Amino acid sequence: MRRFYVTNLLLFLFFLQTFAQLGRVVFLQSGRHNTVTPTKT
């Protein structure tokens, strides 16, 4: 049971990081329409 819990926790953290990156990309894409920034991260 403990191993199953740890695996779920790792998967949750992985998905959380992935969604955070996706959200950042979408935010940058939407923000680019308002103000054009030549510098990329």
N, C-alpha and C. Protein backbone atom coordinates (compact mmCIF):
# COMPACT_ATOMS: atom_id res chain seq x y z
N MET A 1 0.85 -1.21 0.00
CA MET A 1 0.00 0.00 0.00
C MET A 1 0.88 1.26 0.00
N ARG A 2 1.95 1.20 0.77
CA ARG A 2 2.83 2.36 0.87
C ARG A 2 3.47 2.67 -0.49
N ARG A 3 3.88 1.61 -1.19
CA ARG A 3 4.50 1.80 -2.49
C ARG A 3 3.50 2.39 -3.49
N PHE A 4 2.27 1.93 -3.41
CA PHE A 4 1.22 2.44 -4.30
C PHE A 4 0.99 3.93 -4.04
N TYR A 5 1.03 4.32 -2.77
CA TYR A 5 0.81 5.72 -2.40
C TYR A 5 1.94 6.59 -2.93
N VAL A 6 3.17 6.10 -2.80
CA VAL A 6 4.34 6.85 -3.28
C VAL A 6 4.27 7.02 -4.80
N THR A 7 3.87 5.96 -5.50
CA THR A 7 3.77 6.03 -6.96
C THR A 7 2.73 7.06 -7.37
N ASN A 8 1.59 7.07 -6.68
CA ASN A 8 0.55 8.05 -6.98
C ASN A 8 1.04 9.46 -6.71
N LEU A 9 1.82 9.64 -5.65
CA LEU A 9 2.34 10.95 -5.30
C LEU A 9 3.29 11.45 -6.38
N LEU A 10 4.16 10.55 -6.87
CA LEU A 10 5.10 10.93 -7.93
C LEU A 10 4.36 11.28 -9.21
N LEU A 11 3.35 10.49 -9.55
CA LEU A 11 2.56 10.78 -10.75
C LEU A 11 1.84 12.11 -10.61
N PHE A 12 1.32 12.39 -9.42
CA PHE A 12 0.62 13.65 -9.17
C PHE A 12 1.57 14.83 -9.35
N LEU A 13 2.78 14.72 -8.80
CA LEU A 13 3.76 15.79 -8.93
C LEU A 13 4.17 15.97 -10.39
N PHE A 14 4.32 14.86 -11.12
CA PHE A 14 4.69 14.93 -12.53
C PHE A 14 3.61 15.64 -13.34
N PHE A 15 2.36 15.25 -13.14
CA PHE A 15 1.26 15.89 -13.86
C PHE A 15 1.12 17.35 -13.47
N LEU A 16 1.36 17.66 -12.19
CA LEU A 16 1.26 19.04 -11.72
C LEU A 16 2.30 19.90 -12.42
N GLN A 17 3.53 19.40 -12.53
CA GLN A 17 4.59 20.15 -13.20
C GLN A 17 4.28 20.32 -14.68
N THR A 18 3.74 19.25 -15.31
CA THR A 18 3.41 19.32 -16.73
C THR A 18 2.31 20.35 -16.98
N PHE A 19 1.27 20.34 -16.15
CA PHE A 19 0.18 21.31 -16.30
C PHE A 19 0.67 22.72 -16.05
N ALA A 20 1.62 22.87 -15.12
CA ALA A 20 2.18 24.20 -14.83
C ALA A 20 2.92 24.73 -16.05
N GLN A 21 3.68 23.86 -16.71
CA GLN A 21 4.41 24.27 -17.91
C GLN A 21 3.44 24.61 -19.04
N LEU A 22 2.39 23.79 -19.20
CA LEU A 22 1.39 24.06 -20.23
C LEU A 22 0.70 25.38 -19.97
N GLY A 23 0.35 25.64 -18.72
CA GLY A 23 -0.31 26.89 -18.36
C GLY A 23 0.59 28.08 -18.65
N ARG A 24 1.89 27.92 -18.38
CA ARG A 24 2.83 29.01 -18.64
C ARG A 24 2.93 29.29 -20.14
N VAL A 25 2.97 28.23 -20.94
CA VAL A 25 3.06 28.39 -22.39
C VAL A 25 1.81 29.08 -22.93
N VAL A 26 0.65 28.65 -22.46
CA VAL A 26 -0.61 29.27 -22.90
C VAL A 26 -0.66 30.73 -22.49
N PHE A 27 -0.18 31.02 -21.28
CA PHE A 27 -0.17 32.40 -20.79
C PHE A 27 0.74 33.26 -21.65
N LEU A 28 1.91 32.73 -22.02
CA LEU A 28 2.85 33.49 -22.86
C LEU A 28 2.26 33.69 -24.25
N GLN A 29 1.61 32.66 -24.78
CA GLN A 29 1.02 32.77 -26.11
C GLN A 29 -0.10 33.80 -26.13
N SER A 30 -0.94 33.80 -25.10
CA SER A 30 -2.05 34.75 -25.04
C SER A 30 -1.53 36.16 -24.77
N GLY A 31 -0.47 36.27 -23.97
CA GLY A 31 0.10 37.57 -23.65
C GLY A 31 0.83 38.17 -24.84
N ARG A 32 1.28 37.32 -25.76
CA ARG A 32 2.02 37.80 -26.92
C ARG A 32 1.13 38.63 -27.83
N HIS A 33 -0.18 38.35 -27.83
CA HIS A 33 -1.10 39.12 -28.66
C HIS A 33 -1.20 40.56 -28.17
N ASN A 34 -1.16 40.72 -26.85
CA ASN A 34 -1.27 42.07 -26.29
C ASN A 34 0.01 42.86 -26.48
N THR A 35 1.11 42.31 -26.00
CA THR A 35 2.40 43.00 -26.13
C THR A 35 3.41 42.07 -26.75
N VAL A 36 4.01 42.50 -27.85
CA VAL A 36 4.99 41.67 -28.54
C VAL A 36 6.35 41.79 -27.85
N THR A 37 6.86 40.68 -27.38
CA THR A 37 8.16 40.70 -26.70
C THR A 37 9.19 39.93 -27.52
N PRO A 38 10.28 40.56 -27.89
CA PRO A 38 11.31 39.90 -28.72
C PRO A 38 12.09 38.84 -27.95
N THR A 39 12.13 38.97 -26.63
CA THR A 39 12.91 38.02 -25.83
C THR A 39 12.08 36.80 -25.49
N LYS A 40 12.68 35.62 -25.65
CA LYS A 40 12.00 34.37 -25.30
C LYS A 40 12.65 33.77 -24.07
N THR A 41 11.87 33.03 -23.32
CA THR A 41 12.42 32.39 -22.12
C THR A 41 12.96 31.02 -22.49
